[in-house]
Amino acid sequence: MNQRGPRCPTSVTPEMVSGLVDILSQLKVKVDVATLAAEVGIETGRLLETLETCEALGLVSIVNGDAALTQLGEAFVRKRQRGRARMLRELIREVEPFKSILSYMSSQSKPVTAEEICRELGLCDHNDPDSVSQLKSFILHWLVTTGYLSYNGKEEQFKIVGRHRT
């Protein structure tokens, strides 16, 4: 997997991104990350991962420890749920690990499990069920809900949605 470029930690969900962007919008000014963590009551590590994702998606900028919405972030706030999902769909295409997962899935002729994705792309420890489960949840939250992948719960397999093949 390409380790360069913007990244999204696998512990971050679209709901976390949306919630943080909403909070920053309500504050209406740039805010120190440490102050934000204290005010929101989020564990600092989790907040930093969510901010990393927001920044990778172009919704937030972080300069000298201060977080602020970008113009794209302000546009995101104005959208309703469906509009936000469409916007996220476009934004994730060039962000890791989405980019690598989509590329890998496009090359597969048959459905694959989260464990196979984990093993092939090195996204988690494929021998650790909790790690594989977290990756599976990540893929469900981001790539299935945005329509890039489908999921067969009975077989526990993902496949690329036909029109998204590369």
N, C-alpha and C. Protein backbone atom coordinates (compact mmCIF):
# COMPACT_ATOMS: atom_id res chain seq x y z
N MET A 1 0.84 -1.18 0.00
CA MET A 1 0.00 0.00 0.00
C MET A 1 0.88 1.24 0.00
N ASN A 2 0.49 2.24 -0.74
CA ASN A 2 1.20 3.51 -0.79
C ASN A 2 1.02 4.23 0.55
N GLN A 3 2.10 4.45 1.27
CA GLN A 3 2.02 5.07 2.58
C GLN A 3 2.09 6.60 2.50
N ARG A 4 2.34 7.13 1.32
CA ARG A 4 2.44 8.58 1.18
C ARG A 4 1.07 9.20 0.92
N GLY A 5 0.98 10.48 1.20
CA GLY A 5 -0.26 11.19 0.94
C GLY A 5 -1.20 11.17 2.13
N PRO A 6 -2.35 11.80 1.95
CA PRO A 6 -3.30 11.89 3.05
C PRO A 6 -3.81 10.52 3.47
N ARG A 7 -4.07 10.36 4.78
CA ARG A 7 -4.49 9.07 5.32
C ARG A 7 -5.69 9.23 6.25
N CYS A 8 -6.42 8.14 6.38
CA CYS A 8 -7.53 8.06 7.33
C CYS A 8 -7.29 6.85 8.22
N PRO A 9 -7.10 7.05 9.51
CA PRO A 9 -6.96 5.90 10.41
C PRO A 9 -8.22 5.02 10.37
N THR A 10 -8.05 3.72 10.49
CA THR A 10 -9.19 2.80 10.38
C THR A 10 -10.13 2.85 11.57
N SER A 11 -9.79 3.59 12.59
CA SER A 11 -10.68 3.71 13.75
C SER A 11 -11.68 4.86 13.59
N VAL A 12 -11.54 5.67 12.55
CA VAL A 12 -12.39 6.84 12.36
C VAL A 12 -13.57 6.49 11.44
N THR A 13 -14.75 6.96 11.83
CA THR A 13 -15.97 6.72 11.04
C THR A 13 -16.44 8.02 10.38
N PRO A 14 -17.29 7.90 9.38
CA PRO A 14 -17.86 9.11 8.77
C PRO A 14 -18.63 9.96 9.80
N GLU A 15 -19.28 9.30 10.75
CA GLU A 15 -20.04 10.02 11.77
C GLU A 15 -19.12 10.87 12.64
N MET A 16 -17.93 10.35 12.94
CA MET A 16 -16.96 11.11 13.73
C MET A 16 -16.50 12.34 12.97
N VAL A 17 -16.25 12.18 11.68
CA VAL A 17 -15.84 13.29 10.83
C VAL A 17 -16.94 14.34 10.79
N SER A 18 -18.15 13.91 10.51
CA SER A 18 -19.29 14.82 10.42
C SER A 18 -19.51 15.56 11.74
N GLY A 19 -19.43 14.84 12.84
CA GLY A 19 -19.64 15.46 14.15
C GLY A 19 -18.59 16.51 14.47
N LEU A 20 -17.34 16.20 14.17
CA LEU A 20 -16.27 17.16 14.46
C LEU A 20 -16.38 18.39 13.58
N VAL A 21 -16.71 18.20 12.32
CA VAL A 21 -16.89 19.34 11.42
C VAL A 21 -18.04 20.22 11.92
N ASP A 22 -19.12 19.60 12.38
CA ASP A 22 -20.24 20.37 12.94
C ASP A 22 -19.81 21.18 14.16
N ILE A 23 -19.02 20.57 15.03
CA ILE A 23 -18.55 21.26 16.23
C ILE A 23 -17.68 22.46 15.84
N LEU A 24 -16.76 22.25 14.92
CA LEU A 24 -15.90 23.36 14.48
C LEU A 24 -16.72 24.47 13.85
N SER A 25 -17.77 24.10 13.15
CA SER A 25 -18.65 25.10 12.53
C SER A 25 -19.36 25.93 13.60
N GLN A 26 -19.79 25.29 14.66
CA GLN A 26 -20.48 26.01 15.73
C GLN A 26 -19.55 26.96 16.47
N LEU A 27 -18.28 26.59 16.56
CA LEU A 27 -17.31 27.46 17.24
C LEU A 27 -16.99 28.71 16.43
N LYS A 28 -17.10 28.62 15.11
CA LYS A 28 -16.95 29.73 14.17
C LYS A 28 -15.58 30.41 14.15
N VAL A 29 -14.62 29.88 14.87
CA VAL A 29 -13.26 30.42 14.85
C VAL A 29 -12.29 29.26 14.86
N LYS A 30 -11.04 29.56 14.55
CA LYS A 30 -10.05 28.50 14.70
C LYS A 30 -9.87 28.24 16.18
N VAL A 31 -9.59 26.99 16.51
CA VAL A 31 -9.51 26.62 17.91
C VAL A 31 -8.28 25.75 18.14
N ASP A 32 -7.63 25.98 19.25
CA ASP A 32 -6.48 25.18 19.65
C ASP A 32 -6.93 23.73 19.85
N VAL A 33 -6.18 22.79 19.32
CA VAL A 33 -6.55 21.38 19.38
C VAL A 33 -6.68 20.90 20.83
N ALA A 34 -5.79 21.33 21.71
CA ALA A 34 -5.86 20.92 23.12
C ALA A 34 -7.13 21.46 23.77
N THR A 35 -7.48 22.71 23.47
CA THR A 35 -8.71 23.30 24.00
C THR A 35 -9.92 22.57 23.45
N LEU A 36 -9.88 22.23 22.17
CA LEU A 36 -10.98 21.49 21.55
C LEU A 36 -11.18 20.15 22.24
N ALA A 37 -10.11 19.46 22.52
CA ALA A 37 -10.21 18.15 23.20
C ALA A 37 -10.86 18.31 24.56
N ALA A 38 -10.47 19.34 25.29
CA ALA A 38 -11.03 19.57 26.63
C ALA A 38 -12.50 19.96 26.56
N GLU A 39 -12.86 20.84 25.64
CA GLU A 39 -14.23 21.32 25.52
C GLU A 39 -15.19 20.24 25.05
N VAL A 40 -14.74 19.43 24.13
CA VAL A 40 -15.61 18.41 23.54
C VAL A 40 -15.68 17.16 24.39
N GLY A 41 -14.64 16.93 25.18
CA GLY A 41 -14.63 15.75 26.03
C GLY A 41 -14.27 14.48 25.29
N ILE A 42 -13.52 14.63 24.21
CA ILE A 42 -13.05 13.49 23.44
C ILE A 42 -11.63 13.17 23.88
N GLU A 43 -11.32 11.90 23.98
CA GLU A 43 -9.95 11.48 24.29
C GLU A 43 -9.03 12.06 23.22
N THR A 44 -7.91 12.62 23.64
CA THR A 44 -7.02 13.35 22.73
C THR A 44 -6.57 12.51 21.54
N GLY A 45 -6.21 11.25 21.76
CA GLY A 45 -5.78 10.40 20.65
C GLY A 45 -6.87 10.22 19.61
N ARG A 46 -8.08 10.02 20.06
CA ARG A 46 -9.22 9.85 19.14
C ARG A 46 -9.49 11.14 18.39
N LEU A 47 -9.40 12.27 19.09
CA LEU A 47 -9.60 13.57 18.44
C LEU A 47 -8.54 13.80 17.36
N LEU A 48 -7.29 13.48 17.67
CA LEU A 48 -6.21 13.68 16.70
C LEU A 48 -6.41 12.82 15.46
N GLU A 49 -6.86 11.58 15.64
CA GLU A 49 -7.14 10.71 14.49
C GLU A 49 -8.28 11.27 13.64
N THR A 50 -9.29 11.79 14.30
CA THR A 50 -10.43 12.37 13.57
C THR A 50 -10.00 13.64 12.84
N LEU A 51 -9.20 14.46 13.50
CA LEU A 51 -8.68 15.67 12.84
C LEU A 51 -7.79 15.30 11.66
N GLU A 52 -6.97 14.27 11.81
CA GLU A 52 -6.12 13.80 10.71
C GLU A 52 -6.97 13.43 9.50
N THR A 53 -8.07 12.75 9.76
CA THR A 53 -8.97 12.36 8.68
C THR A 53 -9.63 13.58 8.05
N CYS A 54 -10.14 14.48 8.88
CA CYS A 54 -10.77 15.70 8.37
C CYS A 54 -9.80 16.51 7.52
N GLU A 55 -8.56 16.57 7.96
CA GLU A 55 -7.54 17.30 7.20
C GLU A 55 -7.22 16.58 5.90
N ALA A 56 -7.11 15.25 5.94
CA ALA A 56 -6.83 14.47 4.73
C ALA A 56 -7.94 14.64 3.70
N LEU A 57 -9.17 14.78 4.17
CA LEU A 57 -10.31 14.96 3.28
C LEU A 57 -10.45 16.40 2.80
N GLY A 58 -9.67 17.30 3.38
CA GLY A 58 -9.72 18.70 2.97
C GLY A 58 -10.80 19.52 3.66
N LEU A 59 -11.40 18.98 4.73
CA LEU A 59 -12.48 19.66 5.43
C LEU A 59 -11.98 20.61 6.52
N VAL A 60 -10.79 20.33 7.03
CA VAL A 60 -10.22 21.09 8.14
C VAL A 60 -8.75 21.37 7.83
N SER A 61 -8.29 22.52 8.25
CA SER A 61 -6.85 22.78 8.18
C SER A 61 -6.33 22.94 9.61
N ILE A 62 -5.13 22.47 9.81
CA ILE A 62 -4.50 22.60 11.13
C ILE A 62 -3.18 23.33 10.92
N VAL A 63 -3.09 24.50 11.53
CA VAL A 63 -1.89 25.33 11.41
C VAL A 63 -1.47 25.76 12.81
N ASN A 64 -0.22 25.46 13.15
CA ASN A 64 0.33 25.83 14.46
C ASN A 64 -0.55 25.36 15.62
N GLY A 65 -1.11 24.17 15.49
CA GLY A 65 -1.91 23.60 16.56
C GLY A 65 -3.34 24.08 16.63
N ASP A 66 -3.74 24.92 15.67
CA ASP A 66 -5.11 25.42 15.62
C ASP A 66 -5.87 24.76 14.47
N ALA A 67 -7.10 24.33 14.75
CA ALA A 67 -7.94 23.69 13.74
C ALA A 67 -9.02 24.67 13.30
N ALA A 68 -9.27 24.69 12.00
CA ALA A 68 -10.33 25.55 11.44
C ALA A 68 -10.91 24.87 10.22
N LEU A 69 -12.18 25.15 9.96
CA LEU A 69 -12.81 24.62 8.76
C LEU A 69 -12.21 25.28 7.52
N THR A 70 -12.09 24.50 6.46
CA THR A 70 -11.71 25.04 5.16
C THR A 70 -13.00 25.45 4.45
N GLN A 71 -12.88 26.02 3.26
CA GLN A 71 -14.08 26.33 2.47
C GLN A 71 -14.86 25.06 2.17
N LEU A 72 -14.13 23.98 1.90
CA LEU A 72 -14.78 22.69 1.64
C LEU A 72 -15.52 22.21 2.89
N GLY A 73 -14.91 22.41 4.05
CA GLY A 73 -15.56 22.05 5.31
C GLY A 73 -16.83 22.86 5.54
N GLU A 74 -16.78 24.14 5.21
CA GLU A 74 -17.97 24.98 5.35
C GLU A 74 -19.07 24.52 4.39
N ALA A 75 -18.70 24.11 3.19
CA ALA A 75 -19.69 23.59 2.24
C ALA A 75 -20.28 22.28 2.76
N PHE A 76 -19.46 21.45 3.38
CA PHE A 76 -19.91 20.18 3.94
C PHE A 76 -20.97 20.41 5.02
N VAL A 77 -20.75 21.40 5.87
CA VAL A 77 -21.67 21.72 6.96
C VAL A 77 -23.04 22.11 6.42
N ARG A 78 -23.08 22.79 5.30
CA ARG A 78 -24.35 23.26 4.74
C ARG A 78 -25.18 22.14 4.11
N LYS A 79 -24.57 20.99 3.90
CA LYS A 79 -25.28 19.90 3.25
C LYS A 79 -26.07 19.06 4.25
N ARG A 80 -27.13 18.45 3.73
CA ARG A 80 -27.89 17.49 4.54
C ARG A 80 -27.19 16.14 4.48
N GLN A 81 -27.73 15.17 5.17
CA GLN A 81 -27.11 13.84 5.28
C GLN A 81 -26.73 13.25 3.92
N ARG A 82 -27.66 13.21 2.98
CA ARG A 82 -27.40 12.61 1.67
C ARG A 82 -26.32 13.38 0.91
N GLY A 83 -26.35 14.70 1.00
CA GLY A 83 -25.34 15.51 0.35
C GLY A 83 -23.96 15.31 0.95
N ARG A 84 -23.92 15.11 2.26
CA ARG A 84 -22.65 14.84 2.92
C ARG A 84 -22.08 13.50 2.47
N ALA A 85 -22.95 12.50 2.36
CA ALA A 85 -22.50 11.18 1.91
C ALA A 85 -21.93 11.26 0.50
N ARG A 86 -22.60 12.01 -0.38
CA ARG A 86 -22.10 12.16 -1.75
C ARG A 86 -20.76 12.89 -1.76
N MET A 87 -20.65 13.89 -0.92
CA MET A 87 -19.41 14.65 -0.86
C MET A 87 -18.27 13.77 -0.34
N LEU A 88 -18.53 13.01 0.71
CA LEU A 88 -17.50 12.10 1.24
C LEU A 88 -17.08 11.09 0.19
N ARG A 89 -18.04 10.60 -0.58
CA ARG A 89 -17.76 9.63 -1.64
C ARG A 89 -16.69 10.17 -2.59
N GLU A 90 -16.82 11.43 -2.95
CA GLU A 90 -15.84 12.03 -3.85
C GLU A 90 -14.50 12.29 -3.16
N LEU A 91 -14.56 12.70 -1.91
CA LEU A 91 -13.34 13.09 -1.19
C LEU A 91 -12.44 11.91 -0.84
N ILE A 92 -13.01 10.73 -0.61
CA ILE A 92 -12.20 9.61 -0.13
C ILE A 92 -11.37 8.94 -1.23
N ARG A 93 -11.69 9.18 -2.48
CA ARG A 93 -11.03 8.45 -3.58
C ARG A 93 -9.51 8.57 -3.60
N GLU A 94 -8.98 9.69 -3.18
CA GLU A 94 -7.52 9.90 -3.23
C GLU A 94 -6.86 9.82 -1.87
N VAL A 95 -7.60 9.36 -0.88
CA VAL A 95 -7.08 9.28 0.49
C VAL A 95 -6.84 7.82 0.84
N GLU A 96 -5.70 7.54 1.47
CA GLU A 96 -5.41 6.19 1.94
C GLU A 96 -6.15 5.93 3.25
N PRO A 97 -6.55 4.74 3.50
CA PRO A 97 -6.38 3.52 2.73
C PRO A 97 -7.46 3.26 1.68
N PHE A 98 -8.41 4.21 1.53
CA PHE A 98 -9.49 4.01 0.56
C PHE A 98 -8.95 3.76 -0.85
N LYS A 99 -8.01 4.59 -1.24
CA LYS A 99 -7.44 4.51 -2.59
C LYS A 99 -6.86 3.12 -2.85
N SER A 100 -6.09 2.60 -1.91
CA SER A 100 -5.49 1.27 -2.08
C SER A 100 -6.54 0.16 -2.06
N ILE A 101 -7.53 0.29 -1.17
CA ILE A 101 -8.58 -0.73 -1.10
C ILE A 101 -9.36 -0.76 -2.41
N LEU A 102 -9.73 0.41 -2.92
CA LEU A 102 -10.49 0.47 -4.17
C LEU A 102 -9.68 -0.07 -5.35
N SER A 103 -8.41 0.25 -5.38
CA SER A 103 -7.54 -0.26 -6.44
C SER A 103 -7.45 -1.78 -6.37
N TYR A 104 -7.23 -2.30 -5.17
CA TYR A 104 -7.15 -3.75 -4.98
C TYR A 104 -8.47 -4.42 -5.36
N MET A 105 -9.56 -3.88 -4.87
CA MET A 105 -10.87 -4.49 -5.15
C MET A 105 -11.20 -4.45 -6.64
N SER A 106 -10.78 -3.40 -7.32
CA SER A 106 -11.02 -3.31 -8.77
C SER A 106 -10.28 -4.39 -9.54
N SER A 107 -9.20 -4.89 -8.96
CA SER A 107 -8.40 -5.92 -9.64
C SER A 107 -8.89 -7.33 -9.34
N GLN A 108 -9.86 -7.46 -8.45
CA GLN A 108 -10.34 -8.78 -8.05
C GLN A 108 -11.55 -9.19 -8.88
N SER A 109 -11.52 -10.42 -9.36
CA SER A 109 -12.65 -10.92 -10.16
C SER A 109 -13.71 -11.58 -9.30
N LYS A 110 -13.38 -11.84 -8.03
CA LYS A 110 -14.35 -12.47 -7.13
C LYS A 110 -14.37 -11.72 -5.80
N PRO A 111 -15.43 -11.88 -5.02
CA PRO A 111 -15.50 -11.21 -3.72
C PRO A 111 -14.37 -11.66 -2.79
N VAL A 112 -14.00 -10.77 -1.87
CA VAL A 112 -12.93 -11.07 -0.92
C VAL A 112 -13.36 -10.69 0.49
N THR A 113 -12.72 -11.30 1.47
CA THR A 113 -13.02 -11.03 2.88
C THR A 113 -12.15 -9.88 3.39
N ALA A 114 -12.53 -9.35 4.54
CA ALA A 114 -11.72 -8.31 5.18
C ALA A 114 -10.34 -8.84 5.51
N GLU A 115 -10.26 -10.11 5.90
CA GLU A 115 -8.97 -10.71 6.21
C GLU A 115 -8.06 -10.72 4.99
N GLU A 116 -8.62 -11.03 3.81
CA GLU A 116 -7.82 -11.02 2.58
C GLU A 116 -7.34 -9.60 2.26
N ILE A 117 -8.22 -8.62 2.42
CA ILE A 117 -7.83 -7.23 2.17
C ILE A 117 -6.72 -6.83 3.14
N CYS A 118 -6.90 -7.21 4.39
CA CYS A 118 -5.91 -6.92 5.43
C CYS A 118 -4.55 -7.52 5.07
N ARG A 119 -4.56 -8.77 4.70
CA ARG A 119 -3.32 -9.49 4.39
C ARG A 119 -2.66 -8.91 3.14
N GLU A 120 -3.43 -8.69 2.09
CA GLU A 120 -2.86 -8.22 0.82
C GLU A 120 -2.32 -6.79 0.89
N LEU A 121 -3.00 -5.95 1.66
CA LEU A 121 -2.61 -4.54 1.70
C LEU A 121 -1.84 -4.15 2.96
N GLY A 122 -1.72 -5.08 3.90
CA GLY A 122 -1.00 -4.79 5.14
C GLY A 122 -1.66 -3.73 5.99
N LEU A 123 -2.99 -3.70 5.97
CA LEU A 123 -3.73 -2.67 6.71
C LEU A 123 -3.93 -3.01 8.18
N CYS A 124 -3.75 -4.28 8.52
CA CYS A 124 -3.93 -4.70 9.91
C CYS A 124 -3.24 -6.05 10.09
N ASP A 125 -3.29 -6.57 11.30
CA ASP A 125 -2.72 -7.88 11.58
C ASP A 125 -3.78 -8.93 11.24
N HIS A 126 -3.60 -9.63 10.13
CA HIS A 126 -4.62 -10.58 9.68
C HIS A 126 -4.74 -11.79 10.60
N ASN A 127 -3.82 -11.95 11.55
CA ASN A 127 -3.91 -13.04 12.54
C ASN A 127 -4.66 -12.61 13.80
N ASP A 128 -5.00 -11.33 13.89
CA ASP A 128 -5.70 -10.79 15.06
C ASP A 128 -7.16 -10.52 14.70
N PRO A 129 -8.08 -11.33 15.22
CA PRO A 129 -9.50 -11.16 14.88
C PRO A 129 -10.04 -9.75 15.17
N ASP A 130 -9.57 -9.12 16.25
CA ASP A 130 -10.04 -7.76 16.57
C ASP A 130 -9.58 -6.76 15.52
N SER A 131 -8.36 -6.91 15.05
CA SER A 131 -7.81 -6.03 14.03
C SER A 131 -8.58 -6.18 12.71
N VAL A 132 -8.85 -7.42 12.34
CA VAL A 132 -9.61 -7.70 11.11
C VAL A 132 -11.03 -7.16 11.25
N SER A 133 -11.62 -7.33 12.42
CA SER A 133 -12.98 -6.84 12.68
C SER A 133 -13.04 -5.32 12.56
N GLN A 134 -12.02 -4.63 13.07
CA GLN A 134 -11.99 -3.17 12.96
C GLN A 134 -11.89 -2.75 11.50
N LEU A 135 -11.07 -3.44 10.71
CA LEU A 135 -10.96 -3.13 9.29
C LEU A 135 -12.29 -3.38 8.58
N LYS A 136 -12.93 -4.49 8.91
CA LYS A 136 -14.23 -4.81 8.31
C LYS A 136 -15.24 -3.70 8.60
N SER A 137 -15.30 -3.25 9.85
CA SER A 137 -16.21 -2.15 10.22
C SER A 137 -15.86 -0.88 9.46
N PHE A 138 -14.58 -0.60 9.34
CA PHE A 138 -14.11 0.58 8.61
C PHE A 138 -14.60 0.53 7.16
N ILE A 139 -14.43 -0.60 6.51
CA ILE A 139 -14.85 -0.75 5.12
C ILE A 139 -16.37 -0.62 5.00
N LEU A 140 -17.09 -1.23 5.93
CA LEU A 140 -18.55 -1.12 5.92
C LEU A 140 -18.98 0.34 6.08
N HIS A 141 -18.40 1.03 7.04
CA HIS A 141 -18.77 2.43 7.32
C HIS A 141 -18.47 3.36 6.15
N TRP A 142 -17.35 3.16 5.50
CA TRP A 142 -16.92 4.10 4.48
C TRP A 142 -17.21 3.65 3.05
N LEU A 143 -16.80 2.46 2.69
CA LEU A 143 -16.85 2.07 1.27
C LEU A 143 -18.15 1.39 0.86
N VAL A 144 -18.83 0.76 1.81
CA VAL A 144 -20.14 0.19 1.47
C VAL A 144 -21.20 1.29 1.50
N THR A 145 -21.18 2.12 2.54
CA THR A 145 -22.20 3.17 2.63
C THR A 145 -22.07 4.22 1.53
N THR A 146 -20.88 4.41 0.98
CA THR A 146 -20.71 5.36 -0.13
C THR A 146 -20.94 4.71 -1.49
N GLY A 147 -21.22 3.41 -1.50
CA GLY A 147 -21.60 2.74 -2.74
C GLY A 147 -20.46 2.19 -3.58
N TYR A 148 -19.24 2.27 -3.10
CA TYR A 148 -18.12 1.72 -3.86
C TYR A 148 -18.08 0.20 -3.80
N LEU A 149 -18.42 -0.36 -2.64
CA LEU A 149 -18.39 -1.81 -2.46
C LEU A 149 -19.75 -2.30 -2.00
N SER A 150 -20.00 -3.58 -2.25
CA SER A 150 -21.17 -4.24 -1.67
C SER A 150 -20.64 -5.30 -0.70
N TYR A 151 -21.53 -5.74 0.19
CA TYR A 151 -21.12 -6.70 1.22
C TYR A 151 -22.15 -7.81 1.33
N ASN A 152 -21.66 -9.04 1.30
CA ASN A 152 -22.50 -10.22 1.52
C ASN A 152 -22.24 -10.67 2.95
N GLY A 153 -23.19 -10.39 3.84
CA GLY A 153 -23.03 -10.71 5.25
C GLY A 153 -22.93 -12.20 5.53
N LYS A 154 -23.65 -12.99 4.76
CA LYS A 154 -23.63 -14.43 4.96
C LYS A 154 -22.25 -15.00 4.66
N GLU A 155 -21.66 -14.55 3.58
CA GLU A 155 -20.33 -15.03 3.17
C GLU A 155 -19.20 -14.16 3.77
N GLU A 156 -19.57 -13.02 4.35
CA GLU A 156 -18.61 -12.05 4.89
C GLU A 156 -17.59 -11.62 3.84
N GLN A 157 -18.11 -11.27 2.65
CA GLN A 157 -17.23 -10.88 1.54
C GLN A 157 -17.67 -9.55 0.94
N PHE A 158 -16.66 -8.82 0.49
CA PHE A 158 -16.87 -7.55 -0.19
C PHE A 158 -16.61 -7.74 -1.68
N LYS A 159 -17.29 -6.93 -2.49
CA LYS A 159 -16.94 -6.87 -3.91
C LYS A 159 -17.19 -5.46 -4.40
N ILE A 160 -16.46 -5.09 -5.42
CA ILE A 160 -16.61 -3.75 -5.98
C ILE A 160 -17.93 -3.70 -6.72
N VAL A 161 -18.59 -2.57 -6.63
CA VAL A 161 -19.84 -2.38 -7.36
C VAL A 161 -19.44 -2.18 -8.82
N GLY A 162 -20.09 -2.91 -9.72
CA GLY A 162 -19.71 -3.00 -11.13
C GLY A 162 -19.29 -1.73 -11.81
N ARG A 163 -20.03 -0.67 -11.64
CA ARG A 163 -19.72 0.55 -12.39
C ARG A 163 -18.46 1.26 -11.89
N HIS A 164 -17.89 0.78 -10.80
CA HIS A 164 -16.70 1.44 -10.24
C HIS A 164 -15.41 0.71 -10.59
N ARG A 165 -15.49 -0.31 -11.41
CA ARG A 165 -14.27 -1.01 -11.81
C ARG A 165 -13.36 -0.06 -12.57
N THR A 166 -12.07 -0.25 -12.36
CA THR A 166 -11.11 0.61 -13.08
C THR A 166 -10.54 -0.13 -14.26
